Amino acid sequence: MMAPARDPTFKPKLSQTESKAEAASRIAKSLIKQEAALREAKTARLREARLAKEAAEHAVDTSAPKPPRTRRKP
């Protein structure tokens, strides 16, 4: 037997505690999404800064060659 199709016009009414829990859950999920977006933006910003710093350090390292090592006499 087929399950009856769900019609959005006939939603069951939530009790007061269920509606409060639903509101709290919805708010918590939105806060979690906002925090995740901020964290991802910060991570991207820090990654770009790190890559720029590494590129600058690499450019300095390749422009100044290291002096040759002298061997110690035994």
PDB file of N, CA and C in Angstrom:
ATOM      1  N   MET A   1       0.841  -1.170   0.000  1.00  0.00           N
ATOM      2  CA  MET A   1       0.000   0.000   0.000  1.00  0.00           C
ATOM      3  C   MET A   1       0.889   1.237   0.000  1.00  0.00           C
ATOM      4  N   MET A   2       0.482   2.260  -0.708  1.00  0.00           N
ATOM      5  CA  MET A   2       1.268   3.481  -0.805  1.00  0.00           C
ATOM      6  C   MET A   2       1.001   4.375   0.403  1.00  0.00           C
ATOM      7  N   ALA A   3       2.041   5.073   0.817  1.00  0.00           N
ATOM      8  CA  ALA A   3       1.889   6.024   1.915  1.00  0.00           C
ATOM      9  C   ALA A   3       1.174   7.263   1.385  1.00  0.00           C
ATOM     10  N   PRO A   4       0.346   7.876   2.204  1.00  0.00           N
ATOM     11  CA  PRO A   4      -0.352   9.079   1.732  1.00  0.00           C
ATOM     12  C   PRO A   4       0.643  10.209   1.482  1.00  0.00           C
ATOM     13  N   ALA A   5       0.374  10.972   0.451  1.00  0.00           N
ATOM     14  CA  ALA A   5       1.245  12.098   0.097  1.00  0.00           C
ATOM     15  C   ALA A   5       1.124  13.178   1.171  1.00  0.00           C
ATOM     16  N   ARG A   6       2.228  13.763   1.509  1.00  0.00           N
ATOM     17  CA  ARG A   6       2.215  14.820   2.520  1.00  0.00           C
ATOM     18  C   ARG A   6       1.845  16.131   1.861  1.00  0.00           C
ATOM     19  N   ASP A   7       0.865  16.771   2.398  1.00  0.00           N
ATOM     20  CA  ASP A   7       0.385  18.042   1.871  1.00  0.00           C
ATOM     21  C   ASP A   7       0.794  19.129   2.858  1.00  0.00           C
ATOM     22  N   PRO A   8       1.527  20.151   2.419  1.00  0.00           N
ATOM     23  CA  PRO A   8       1.989  21.176   3.357  1.00  0.00           C
ATOM     24  C   PRO A   8       0.856  22.012   3.952  1.00  0.00           C
ATOM     25  N   THR A   9      -0.324  21.945   3.379  1.00  0.00           N
ATOM     26  CA  THR A   9      -1.429  22.741   3.938  1.00  0.00           C
ATOM     27  C   THR A   9      -1.998  22.113   5.190  1.00  0.00           C
ATOM     28  N   PHE A  10      -1.769  20.822   5.387  1.00  0.00           N
ATOM     29  CA  PHE A  10      -2.314  20.131   6.562  1.00  0.00           C
ATOM     30  C   PHE A  10      -1.208  19.718   7.517  1.00  0.00           C
ATOM     31  N   LYS A  11      -0.384  20.669   7.920  1.00  0.00           N
ATOM     32  CA  LYS A  11       0.670  20.381   8.888  1.00  0.00           C
ATOM     33  C   LYS A  11       0.054  20.211  10.264  1.00  0.00           C
ATOM     34  N   PRO A  12       0.542  19.250  11.023  1.00  0.00           N
ATOM     35  CA  PRO A  12       0.018  19.115  12.381  1.00  0.00           C
ATOM     36  C   PRO A  12       0.495  20.278  13.250  1.00  0.00           C
ATOM     37  N   LYS A  13      -0.353  20.726  14.136  1.00  0.00           N
ATOM     38  CA  LYS A  13       0.005  21.814  15.044  1.00  0.00           C
ATOM     39  C   LYS A  13       0.994  21.290  16.081  1.00  0.00           C
ATOM     40  N   LEU A  14       2.038  22.073  16.330  1.00  0.00           N
ATOM     41  CA  LEU A  14       3.019  21.707  17.339  1.00  0.00           C
ATOM     42  C   LEU A  14       2.541  22.191  18.696  1.00  0.00           C
ATOM     43  N   SER A  15       2.887  21.421  19.710  1.00  0.00           N
ATOM     44  CA  SER A  15       2.548  21.872  21.056  1.00  0.00           C
ATOM     45  C   SER A  15       3.443  23.055  21.415  1.00  0.00           C
ATOM     46  N   GLN A  16       3.153  23.690  22.519  1.00  0.00           N
ATOM     47  CA  GLN A  16       3.922  24.873  22.921  1.00  0.00           C
ATOM     48  C   GLN A  16       5.383  24.515  23.165  1.00  0.00           C
ATOM     49  N   THR A  17       5.628  23.393  23.813  1.00  0.00           N
ATOM     50  CA  THR A  17       7.016  22.999  24.080  1.00  0.00           C
ATOM     51  C   THR A  17       7.724  22.621  22.789  1.00  0.00           C
ATOM     52  N   GLU A  18       7.002  21.962  21.877  1.00  0.00           N
ATOM     53  CA  GLU A  18       7.618  21.606  20.598  1.00  0.00           C
ATOM     54  C   GLU A  18       7.946  22.842  19.765  1.00  0.00           C
ATOM     55  N   SER A  19       7.065  23.824  19.796  1.00  0.00           N
ATOM     56  CA  SER A  19       7.320  25.039  19.024  1.00  0.00           C
ATOM     57  C   SER A  19       8.486  25.823  19.619  1.00  0.00           C
ATOM     58  N   LYS A  20       8.607  25.849  20.945  1.00  0.00           N
ATOM     59  CA  LYS A  20       9.758  26.513  21.575  1.00  0.00           C
ATOM     60  C   LYS A  20      11.050  25.779  21.227  1.00  0.00           C
ATOM     61  N   ALA A  21      10.991  24.461  21.261  1.00  0.00           N
ATOM     62  CA  ALA A  21      12.173  23.671  20.924  1.00  0.00           C
ATOM     63  C   ALA A  21      12.552  23.876  19.463  1.00  0.00           C
ATOM     64  N   GLU A  22      11.572  23.950  18.594  1.00  0.00           N
ATOM     65  CA  GLU A  22      11.828  24.189  17.174  1.00  0.00           C
ATOM     66  C   GLU A  22      12.466  25.558  16.957  1.00  0.00           C
ATOM     67  N   ALA A  23      11.973  26.566  17.655  1.00  0.00           N
ATOM     68  CA  ALA A  23      12.537  27.911  17.527  1.00  0.00           C
ATOM     69  C   ALA A  23      13.979  27.939  18.030  1.00  0.00           C
ATOM     70  N   ALA A  24      14.219  27.291  19.173  1.00  0.00           N
ATOM     71  CA  ALA A  24      15.578  27.253  19.725  1.00  0.00           C
ATOM     72  C   ALA A  24      16.517  26.511  18.780  1.00  0.00           C
ATOM     73  N   SER A  25      16.039  25.428  18.207  1.00  0.00           N
ATOM     74  CA  SER A  25      16.849  24.648  17.272  1.00  0.00           C
ATOM     75  C   SER A  25      17.166  25.464  16.025  1.00  0.00           C
ATOM     76  N   ARG A  26      16.188  26.171  15.496  1.00  0.00           N
ATOM     77  CA  ARG A  26      16.380  26.988  14.308  1.00  0.00           C
ATOM     78  C   ARG A  26      17.399  28.102  14.567  1.00  0.00           C
ATOM     79  N   ILE A  27      17.302  28.744  15.734  1.00  0.00           N
ATOM     80  CA  ILE A  27      18.232  29.816  16.095  1.00  0.00           C
ATOM     81  C   ILE A  27      19.642  29.258  16.272  1.00  0.00           C
ATOM     82  N   ALA A  28      19.741  28.105  16.937  1.00  0.00           N
ATOM     83  CA  ALA A  28      21.054  27.500  17.163  1.00  0.00           C
ATOM     84  C   ALA A  28      21.718  27.123  15.840  1.00  0.00           C
ATOM     85  N   LYS A  29      20.941  26.565  14.926  1.00  0.00           N
ATOM     86  CA  LYS A  29      21.495  26.189  13.630  1.00  0.00           C
ATOM     87  C   LYS A  29      21.973  27.407  12.850  1.00  0.00           C
ATOM     88  N   SER A  30      21.222  28.508  12.936  1.00  0.00           N
ATOM     89  CA  SER A  30      21.651  29.713  12.216  1.00  0.00           C
ATOM     90  C   SER A  30      22.933  30.280  12.826  1.00  0.00           C
ATOM     91  N   LEU A  31      23.061  30.227  14.151  1.00  0.00           N
ATOM     92  CA  LEU A  31      24.289  30.694  14.802  1.00  0.00           C
ATOM     93  C   LEU A  31      25.479  29.823  14.408  1.00  0.00           C
ATOM     94  N   ILE A  32      25.257  28.526  14.353  1.00  0.00           N
ATOM     95  CA  ILE A  32      26.341  27.613  13.974  1.00  0.00           C
ATOM     96  C   ILE A  32      26.786  27.889  12.544  1.00  0.00           C
ATOM     97  N   LYS A  33      25.835  28.143  11.644  1.00  0.00           N
ATOM     98  CA  LYS A  33      26.193  28.453  10.255  1.00  0.00           C
ATOM     99  C   LYS A  33      26.980  29.758  10.168  1.00  0.00           C
ATOM    100  N   GLN A  34      26.573  30.772  10.941  1.00  0.00           N
ATOM    101  CA  GLN A  34      27.287  32.049  10.933  1.00  0.00           C
ATOM    102  C   GLN A  34      28.709  31.876  11.449  1.00  0.00           C
ATOM    103  N   GLU A  35      28.860  31.126  12.543  1.00  0.00           N
ATOM    104  CA  GLU A  35      30.191  30.910  13.106  1.00  0.00           C
ATOM    105  C   GLU A  35      31.076  30.139  12.126  1.00  0.00           C
ATOM    106  N   ALA A  36      30.504  29.165  11.445  1.00  0.00           N
ATOM    107  CA  ALA A  36      31.277  28.397  10.464  1.00  0.00           C
ATOM    108  C   ALA A  36      31.721  29.293   9.313  1.00  0.00           C
ATOM    109  N   ALA A  37      30.845  30.182   8.864  1.00  0.00           N
ATOM    110  CA  ALA A  37      31.209  31.097   7.779  1.00  0.00           C
ATOM    111  C   ALA A  37      32.331  32.035   8.217  1.00  0.00           C
ATOM    112  N   LEU A  38      32.244  32.551   9.437  1.00  0.00           N
ATOM    113  CA  LEU A  38      33.303  33.421   9.953  1.00  0.00           C
ATOM    114  C   LEU A  38      34.620  32.663  10.080  1.00  0.00           C
ATOM    115  N   ARG A  39      34.555  31.422  10.556  1.00  0.00           N
ATOM    116  CA  ARG A  39      35.758  30.607  10.715  1.00  0.00           C
ATOM    117  C   ARG A  39      36.397  30.332   9.361  1.00  0.00           C
ATOM    118  N   GLU A  40      35.592  30.017   8.358  1.00  0.00           N
ATOM    119  CA  GLU A  40      36.124  29.760   7.022  1.00  0.00           C
ATOM    120  C   GLU A  40      36.759  31.018   6.424  1.00  0.00           C
ATOM    121  N   ALA A  41      36.148  32.173   6.656  1.00  0.00           N
ATOM    122  CA  ALA A  41      36.705  33.426   6.141  1.00  0.00           C
ATOM    123  C   ALA A  41      38.041  33.729   6.818  1.00  0.00           C
ATOM    124  N   LYS A  42      38.117  33.502   8.119  1.00  0.00           N
ATOM    125  CA  LYS A  42      39.358  33.754   8.853  1.00  0.00           C
ATOM    126  C   LYS A  42      40.449  32.798   8.377  1.00  0.00           C
ATOM    127  N   THR A  43      40.087  31.535   8.170  1.00  0.00           N
ATOM    128  CA  THR A  43      41.051  30.550   7.708  1.00  0.00           C
ATOM    129  C   THR A  43      41.595  30.933   6.334  1.00  0.00           C
ATOM    130  N   ALA A  44      40.721  31.369   5.449  1.00  0.00           N
ATOM    131  CA  ALA A  44      41.157  31.775   4.110  1.00  0.00           C
ATOM    132  C   ALA A  44      42.072  32.991   4.183  1.00  0.00           C
ATOM    133  N   ARG A  45      41.719  33.956   5.036  1.00  0.00           N
ATOM    134  CA  ARG A  45      42.535  35.166   5.178  1.00  0.00           C
ATOM    135  C   ARG A  45      43.914  34.805   5.723  1.00  0.00           C
ATOM    136  N   LEU A  46      43.969  33.952   6.740  1.00  0.00           N
ATOM    137  CA  LEU A  46      45.254  33.563   7.321  1.00  0.00           C
ATOM    138  C   LEU A  46      46.077  32.736   6.342  1.00  0.00           C
ATOM    139  N   ARG A  47      45.422  31.885   5.553  1.00  0.00           N
ATOM    140  CA  ARG A  47      46.134  31.084   4.564  1.00  0.00           C
ATOM    141  C   ARG A  47      46.790  31.987   3.521  1.00  0.00           C
ATOM    142  N   GLU A  48      46.052  32.992   3.056  1.00  0.00           N
ATOM    143  CA  GLU A  48      46.606  33.929   2.077  1.00  0.00           C
ATOM    144  C   GLU A  48      47.801  34.691   2.658  1.00  0.00           C
ATOM    145  N   ALA A  49      47.682  35.107   3.916  1.00  0.00           N
ATOM    146  CA  ALA A  49      48.784  35.827   4.561  1.00  0.00           C
ATOM    147  C   ALA A  49      50.011  34.932   4.698  1.00  0.00           C
ATOM    148  N   ARG A  50      49.787  33.664   5.070  1.00  0.00           N
ATOM    149  CA  ARG A  50      50.903  32.729   5.219  1.00  0.00           C
ATOM    150  C   ARG A  50      51.577  32.474   3.885  1.00  0.00           C
ATOM    151  N   LEU A  51      50.798  32.276   2.837  1.00  0.00           N
ATOM    152  CA  LEU A  51      51.377  32.027   1.517  1.00  0.00           C
ATOM    153  C   LEU A  51      52.148  33.238   1.016  1.00  0.00           C
ATOM    154  N   ALA A  52      51.646  34.431   1.280  1.00  0.00           N
ATOM    155  CA  ALA A  52      52.358  35.646   0.875  1.00  0.00           C
ATOM    156  C   ALA A  52      53.680  35.767   1.634  1.00  0.00           C
ATOM    157  N   LYS A  53      53.648  35.451   2.925  1.00  0.00           N
ATOM    158  CA  LYS A  53      54.875  35.524   3.738  1.00  0.00           C
ATOM    159  C   LYS A  53      55.892  34.499   3.259  1.00  0.00           C
ATOM    160  N   GLU A  54      55.435  33.268   2.977  1.00  0.00           N
ATOM    161  CA  GLU A  54      56.349  32.236   2.492  1.00  0.00           C
ATOM    162  C   GLU A  54      56.931  32.610   1.133  1.00  0.00           C
ATOM    163  N   ALA A  55      56.134  33.221   0.270  1.00  0.00           N
ATOM    164  CA  ALA A  55      56.634  33.641  -1.038  1.00  0.00           C
ATOM    165  C   ALA A  55      57.682  34.735  -0.885  1.00  0.00           C
ATOM    166  N   ALA A  56      57.448  35.661   0.036  1.00  0.00           N
ATOM    167  CA  ALA A  56      58.421  36.729   0.269  1.00  0.00           C
ATOM    168  C   ALA A  56      59.717  36.161   0.845  1.00  0.00           C
ATOM    169  N   GLU A  57      59.614  35.226   1.771  1.00  0.00           N
ATOM    170  CA  GLU A  57      60.812  34.617   2.353  1.00  0.00           C
ATOM    171  C   GLU A  57      61.579  33.815   1.296  1.00  0.00           C
ATOM    172  N   HIS A  58      60.849  33.132   0.432  1.00  0.00           N
ATOM    173  CA  HIS A  58      61.496  32.340  -0.615  1.00  0.00           C
ATOM    174  C   HIS A  58      62.220  33.255  -1.604  1.00  0.00           C
ATOM    175  N   ALA A  59      61.638  34.412  -1.899  1.00  0.00           N
ATOM    176  CA  ALA A  59      62.269  35.356  -2.820  1.00  0.00           C
ATOM    177  C   ALA A  59      63.560  35.899  -2.213  1.00  0.00           C
ATOM    178  N   VAL A  60      63.564  36.159  -0.919  1.00  0.00           N
ATOM    179  CA  VAL A  60      64.763  36.660  -0.243  1.00  0.00           C
ATOM    180  C   VAL A  60      65.819  35.572  -0.193  1.00  0.00           C
ATOM    181  N   ASP A  61      65.436  34.335   0.079  1.00  0.00           N
ATOM    182  CA  ASP A  61      66.383  33.235   0.176  1.00  0.00           C
ATOM    183  C   ASP A  61      67.067  32.959  -1.160  1.00  0.00           C
ATOM    184  N   THR A  62      66.343  33.035  -2.235  1.00  0.00           N
ATOM    185  CA  THR A  62      66.945  32.712  -3.528  1.00  0.00           C
ATOM    186  C   THR A  62      67.811  33.850  -4.055  1.00  0.00           C
ATOM    187  N   SER A  63      67.603  35.071  -3.598  1.00  0.00           N
ATOM    188  CA  SER A  63      68.395  36.186  -4.105  1.00  0.00           C
ATOM    189  C   SER A  63      69.766  36.266  -3.435  1.00  0.00           C
ATOM    190  N   ALA A  64      69.904  35.788  -2.223  1.00  0.00           N
ATOM    191  CA  ALA A  64      71.183  35.838  -1.524  1.00  0.00           C
ATOM    192  C   ALA A  64      71.698  34.417  -1.326  1.00  0.00           C
ATOM    193  N   PRO A  65      72.678  33.981  -2.150  1.00  0.00           N
ATOM    194  CA  PRO A  65      73.196  32.614  -1.983  1.00  0.00           C
ATOM    195  C   PRO A  65      74.015  32.501  -0.701  1.00  0.00           C
ATOM    196  N   LYS A  66      74.003  31.326  -0.144  1.00  0.00           N
ATOM    197  CA  LYS A  66      74.754  31.092   1.094  1.00  0.00           C
ATOM    198  C   LYS A  66      76.240  30.975   0.775  1.00  0.00           C
ATOM    199  N   PRO A  67      77.089  31.468   1.674  1.00  0.00           N
ATOM    200  CA  PRO A  67      78.528  31.333   1.433  1.00  0.00           C
ATOM    201  C   PRO A  67      78.943  29.865   1.569  1.00  0.00           C
ATOM    202  N   PRO A  68      79.971  29.458   0.839  1.00  0.00           N
ATOM    203  CA  PRO A  68      80.399  28.052   0.913  1.00  0.00           C
ATOM    204  C   PRO A  68      80.998  27.743   2.282  1.00  0.00           C
ATOM    205  N   ARG A  69      80.807  26.524   2.714  1.00  0.00           N
ATOM    206  CA  ARG A  69      81.360  26.096   4.006  1.00  0.00           C
ATOM    207  C   ARG A  69      82.841  25.809   3.863  1.00  0.00           C
ATOM    208  N   THR A  70      83.577  26.162   4.890  1.00  0.00           N
ATOM    209  CA  THR A  70      85.000  25.832   4.892  1.00  0.00           C
ATOM    210  C   THR A  70      85.199  24.568   5.705  1.00  0.00           C
ATOM    211  N   ARG A  71      86.096  23.753   5.259  1.00  0.00           N
ATOM    212  CA  ARG A  71      86.349  22.488   5.962  1.00  0.00           C
ATOM    213  C   ARG A  71      87.367  22.722   7.062  1.00  0.00           C
ATOM    214  N   ARG A  72      87.144  22.054   8.146  1.00  0.00           N
ATOM    215  CA  ARG A  72      88.108  22.120   9.256  1.00  0.00           C
ATOM    216  C   ARG A  72      89.253  21.164   8.974  1.00  0.00           C
ATOM    217  N   LYS A  73      90.430  21.585   9.410  1.00  0.00           N
ATOM    218  CA  LYS A  73      91.594  20.706   9.252  1.00  0.00           C
ATOM    219  C   LYS A  73      91.643  19.775  10.454  1.00  0.00           C
ATOM    220  N   PRO A  74      91.887  18.499  10.227  1.00  0.00           N
ATOM    221  CA  PRO A  74      91.937  17.541  11.340  1.00  0.00           C
ATOM    222  C   PRO A  74      93.167  17.649  12.193  1.00  0.00           C
TER     223      PRO A  74
END
